[in-house]
Protein backbone atom coordinates (compact mmCIF):
# COMPACT_ATOMS: atom_id res chain seq x y z
CA UNK A 1 0.00 0.00 0.00
CA UNK A 2 1.53 3.30 -1.11
CA UNK A 3 -1.29 5.85 -1.42
CA UNK A 4 -4.51 6.24 0.57
CA UNK A 5 -7.43 8.65 0.57
CA UNK A 6 -9.22 9.14 3.89
CA UNK A 7 -12.66 10.73 3.76
CA UNK A 8 -13.40 12.29 7.15
CA UNK A 9 -9.78 12.42 8.31
CA UNK A 10 -10.48 15.09 10.95
CA UNK A 11 -12.76 12.80 12.98
CA UNK A 12 -11.64 10.44 15.72
CA UNK A 13 -11.35 7.22 13.71
CA UNK A 14 -10.47 8.91 10.42
CA UNK A 15 -7.61 10.87 11.99
CA UNK A 16 -6.29 7.76 13.74
CA UNK A 17 -6.42 5.71 10.53
CA UNK A 18 -4.59 8.47 8.67
CA UNK A 19 -1.92 8.63 11.39
CA UNK A 20 -1.50 4.83 11.41
CA UNK A 21 -1.04 4.74 7.64
CA UNK A 22 1.45 7.60 7.67
CA UNK A 23 3.42 5.82 10.37
CA UNK A 24 3.58 2.85 8.02
CA UNK A 25 5.00 5.03 5.24
CA UNK A 26 1.79 5.43 3.25
CA UNK A 27 1.19 8.76 1.50
CA UNK A 28 -2.18 9.92 2.81
CA UNK A 29 -4.56 12.43 1.25
CA UNK A 30 -7.40 13.57 3.47
CA UNK A 31 -10.72 15.32 2.97
CA UNK A 32 -13.03 16.52 5.72
CA UNK A 33 -16.05 18.74 6.16
CA UNK A 34 -14.53 20.84 8.95
CA UNK A 35 -11.29 21.60 7.10
CA UNK A 36 -12.14 21.30 3.40
CA UNK A 37 -15.89 21.79 3.28
CA UNK A 38 -16.24 18.24 1.96
CA UNK A 39 -19.86 17.40 2.74
CA UNK A 40 -20.83 13.85 1.75
CA UNK A 41 -24.52 14.84 1.83
CA UNK A 42 -23.95 17.30 -1.05
CA UNK A 43 -23.29 15.38 -4.26
CA UNK A 44 -22.04 18.46 -6.11
CA UNK A 45 -19.34 18.99 -3.49
CA UNK A 46 -18.41 15.32 -3.56
CA UNK A 47 -18.14 15.34 -7.34
CA UNK A 48 -16.12 18.55 -7.44
CA UNK A 49 -13.62 17.55 -4.75
CA UNK A 50 -13.01 14.03 -6.04
CA UNK A 51 -12.74 15.05 -9.68
CA UNK A 52 -9.88 17.36 -8.69
CA UNK A 53 -7.81 14.52 -7.24
CA UNK A 54 -5.33 12.38 -9.09
CA UNK A 55 -5.08 8.73 -8.23
CA UNK A 56 -4.79 5.94 -8.14
CA UNK A 57 -5.24 5.18 -4.45
CA UNK A 58 -4.59 1.74 -3.04
CA UNK A 59 -7.10 2.45 -0.29
CA UNK A 60 -10.07 4.79 -0.06
CA UNK A 61 -11.41 4.78 3.49
CA UNK A 62 -14.70 6.52 4.31
CA UNK A 63 -14.82 7.43 8.00
CA UNK A 64 -17.68 9.92 7.96
CA UNK A 65 -20.89 9.52 9.96
CA UNK A 66 -22.79 10.54 13.06
CA UNK A 67 -24.83 8.89 15.77
CA UNK A 68 -26.74 12.07 16.57
CA UNK A 69 -27.76 14.65 13.96
CA UNK A 70 -29.44 17.92 14.85
CA UNK A 71 -29.84 16.85 18.46
CA UNK A 72 -31.87 13.75 17.58
CA UNK A 73 -30.72 10.90 19.83
CA UNK A 74 -31.02 7.19 19.04
CA UNK A 75 -34.62 6.13 19.57
CA UNK A 76 -35.49 3.86 22.47
CA UNK A 77 -39.02 3.12 21.23
CA UNK A 78 -41.04 3.12 18.03
CA UNK A 79 -42.98 6.14 19.33
CA UNK A 80 -39.79 8.18 19.22
CA UNK A 81 -39.15 7.62 15.49
CA UNK A 82 -39.17 10.92 13.62
CA UNK A 83 -39.28 11.12 9.82
CA UNK A 84 -36.73 13.92 9.51
CA UNK A 85 -34.29 12.27 11.90
CA UNK A 86 -34.63 9.04 9.95
CA UNK A 87 -33.93 10.76 6.63
CA UNK A 88 -31.02 12.75 8.07
CA UNK A 89 -29.40 9.53 9.27
CA UNK A 90 -29.88 7.82 5.94
CA UNK A 91 -28.52 10.79 4.00
CA UNK A 92 -25.32 11.05 6.03
CA UNK A 93 -24.59 7.44 6.91
CA UNK A 94 -25.83 5.62 3.80
CA UNK A 95 -26.19 8.00 0.85
CA UNK A 96 -22.98 9.90 1.63
CA UNK A 97 -20.58 6.94 1.37
CA UNK A 98 -22.10 5.61 -1.85
CA UNK A 99 -21.83 9.09 -3.40
CA UNK A 100 -18.14 8.99 -2.56
CA UNK A 101 -17.83 5.61 -4.27
CA UNK A 102 -19.82 6.81 -7.28
CA UNK A 103 -17.46 9.72 -7.89
CA UNK A 104 -14.23 7.99 -6.82
CA UNK A 105 -14.22 5.18 -9.37
CA UNK A 106 -11.58 6.93 -11.47
CA UNK A 107 -9.31 7.04 -8.40
CA UNK A 108 -9.28 3.26 -7.97
CA UNK A 109 -6.75 1.19 -9.97
CA UNK A 110 -8.03 -1.47 -12.34
CA UNK A 111 -4.78 -3.39 -12.78
CA UNK A 112 -3.83 -4.21 -9.18
CA UNK A 113 -5.35 -4.87 -5.75
CA UNK A 114 -7.06 -1.99 -3.98
CA UNK A 115 -9.71 -1.46 -1.31
CA UNK A 116 -12.68 0.81 -0.78
CA UNK A 117 -13.74 0.59 2.87
CA UNK A 118 -16.66 2.26 4.62
CA UNK A 119 -17.25 2.47 8.35
CA UNK A 120 -20.48 0.69 9.17
CA UNK A 121 -21.63 -0.72 12.53
CA UNK A 122 -22.74 -4.06 13.88
CA UNK A 123 -26.10 -2.52 14.81
CA UNK A 124 -26.77 -2.34 11.08
CA UNK A 125 -26.98 -6.13 10.99
CA UNK A 126 -30.59 -7.27 10.65
CA UNK A 127 -29.70 -10.85 11.60
CA UNK A 128 -27.87 -9.74 14.73
CA UNK A 129 -30.59 -7.34 15.94
CA UNK A 130 -32.06 -8.78 19.12
CA UNK A 131 -32.37 -5.64 21.22
CA UNK A 132 -34.43 -3.34 18.99
CA UNK A 133 -34.31 0.43 19.32
CA UNK A 134 -31.98 2.84 17.50
CA UNK A 135 -34.28 2.69 14.46
CA UNK A 136 -32.73 5.45 12.37
CA UNK A 137 -29.09 4.61 12.95
CA UNK A 138 -29.68 0.89 12.44
CA UNK A 139 -31.58 1.53 9.21
CA UNK A 140 -28.89 3.87 7.88
CA UNK A 141 -26.12 1.36 8.56
CA UNK A 142 -28.15 -1.46 7.05
CA UNK A 143 -28.65 0.84 4.08
CA UNK A 144 -24.97 1.54 3.55
CA UNK A 145 -24.26 -2.19 3.79
CA UNK A 146 -26.71 -2.88 0.98
CA UNK A 147 -25.53 0.02 -1.17
CA UNK A 148 -21.85 -0.90 -0.93
CA UNK A 149 -22.58 -4.59 -1.45
CA UNK A 150 -24.62 -3.80 -4.56
CA UNK A 151 -21.90 -1.51 -5.92
CA UNK A 152 -19.33 -4.25 -5.35
CA UNK A 153 -21.19 -6.54 -7.75
CA UNK A 154 -20.94 -3.97 -10.54
CA UNK A 155 -17.36 -2.93 -9.78
CA UNK A 156 -16.20 -6.55 -9.92
CA UNK A 157 -16.72 -6.31 -13.67
CA UNK A 158 -14.51 -3.23 -14.12
CA UNK A 159 -12.13 -3.43 -11.14
CA UNK A 160 -11.37 -7.14 -10.86
CA UNK A 161 -8.84 -6.71 -8.06
CA UNK A 162 -10.92 -4.39 -5.88
CA UNK A 163 -12.22 -5.23 -2.41
CA UNK A 164 -15.26 -3.10 -1.61
CA UNK A 165 -16.29 -3.62 2.03
CA UNK A 166 -18.13 -2.29 5.07
CA UNK A 167 -16.26 -2.41 8.38
CA UNK A 168 -17.42 -2.48 12.00
CA UNK A 169 -14.73 -0.80 14.15
CA UNK A 170 -16.07 -1.79 17.55
CA UNK A 171 -17.13 0.82 20.10
CA UNK A 172 -14.40 3.44 19.86
CA UNK A 173 -13.64 6.16 22.39
CA UNK A 174 -14.47 9.27 20.35
CA UNK A 175 -16.80 12.27 20.62
CA UNK A 176 -19.10 10.22 18.39
CA UNK A 177 -19.75 7.65 21.15
CA UNK A 178 -19.02 9.69 24.28
CA UNK A 179 -22.59 9.59 25.64
CA UNK A 180 -23.00 5.85 25.04
CA UNK A 181 -19.56 4.30 25.39
CA UNK A 182 -19.92 3.49 29.10
CA UNK A 183 -22.49 0.81 28.23
CA UNK A 184 -20.11 -1.22 26.09
CA UNK A 185 -16.48 -2.37 26.06
CA UNK A 186 -14.47 0.28 24.23
CA UNK A 187 -11.12 0.69 22.51
CA UNK A 188 -9.11 3.81 21.81
CA UNK A 189 -9.19 5.36 18.35
CA UNK A 190 -5.52 4.43 17.86
CA UNK A 191 -6.19 0.78 18.69
CA UNK A 192 -9.25 0.74 16.43
CA UNK A 193 -7.20 2.25 13.60
CA UNK A 194 -4.48 -0.36 14.02
CA UNK A 195 -7.05 -3.15 13.73
CA UNK A 196 -8.89 -1.57 10.80
CA UNK A 197 -5.71 -0.93 8.84
CA UNK A 198 -4.67 -4.54 9.42
CA UNK A 199 -8.00 -5.71 8.01
CA UNK A 200 -7.65 -3.43 4.99
CA UNK A 201 -4.15 -4.70 4.30
CA UNK A 202 -5.42 -8.27 4.32
CA UNK A 203 -8.29 -7.74 1.89
CA UNK A 204 -8.49 -9.35 -1.52
CA UNK A 205 -11.01 -9.31 -4.34
CA UNK A 206 -12.62 -12.40 -2.80
CA UNK A 207 -13.67 -10.21 0.15
CA UNK A 208 -15.49 -7.67 -1.98
CA UNK A 209 -19.07 -7.07 -0.92
CA UNK A 210 -18.55 -8.33 2.64
CA UNK A 211 -19.50 -6.82 6.00
CA UNK A 212 -16.55 -7.40 8.34
CA UNK A 213 -15.63 -6.59 11.91
CA UNK A 214 -12.33 -5.20 13.21
CA UNK A 215 -10.78 -8.69 13.17
CA UNK A 216 -11.84 -9.47 9.61
CA UNK A 217 -14.72 -11.71 10.66
CA UNK A 218 -17.93 -11.64 8.66
CA UNK A 219 -21.01 -10.14 10.32
CA UNK A 220 -24.46 -11.46 9.32
CA UNK A 221 -26.52 -9.16 7.13
């Protein structure tokens, strides 16, 4: 791996992944909303920013996302589901990453192995959902899993060496999870990045379309 593009490199996990890759000697290009105005919910901005880059990148890692948007917290009951909150979650956590993939195809090599990885979450697994709740966030993560999996089928025809995957990082100690982390075992962003980079380095075209955890294990859809 020589060149990587990190989308959302100013966030907790994105910054840690970028730092881990740089420590390994990888040349890292980063884009973020806070620094560059790169807003994954605005397709025009996505198209403009990515068209200005020159690849190829051995890894494109999408680390954008949010658990709360506009003050809307994860729902505990069906009565708490709000249409706008649901759409906001889907736009940021599902539509955003697939817009990046749509406009980043020219940045992915066709003649050698490469990876396109998106941060998902185990709560997006329908088969693993036994607790209920968190309707909007679960739906958005299930959505990004389906979108990336579907894209992987098409890209296998044009990018035969590409691994296009969704990754569950575990519960990571960031501002993203600060209000909820005490309920679950957590890892630092640096440790999460180390594990995620290791998974990305081990990917092959046979893994394309999969939903994997931080140890490279498949998670049920």
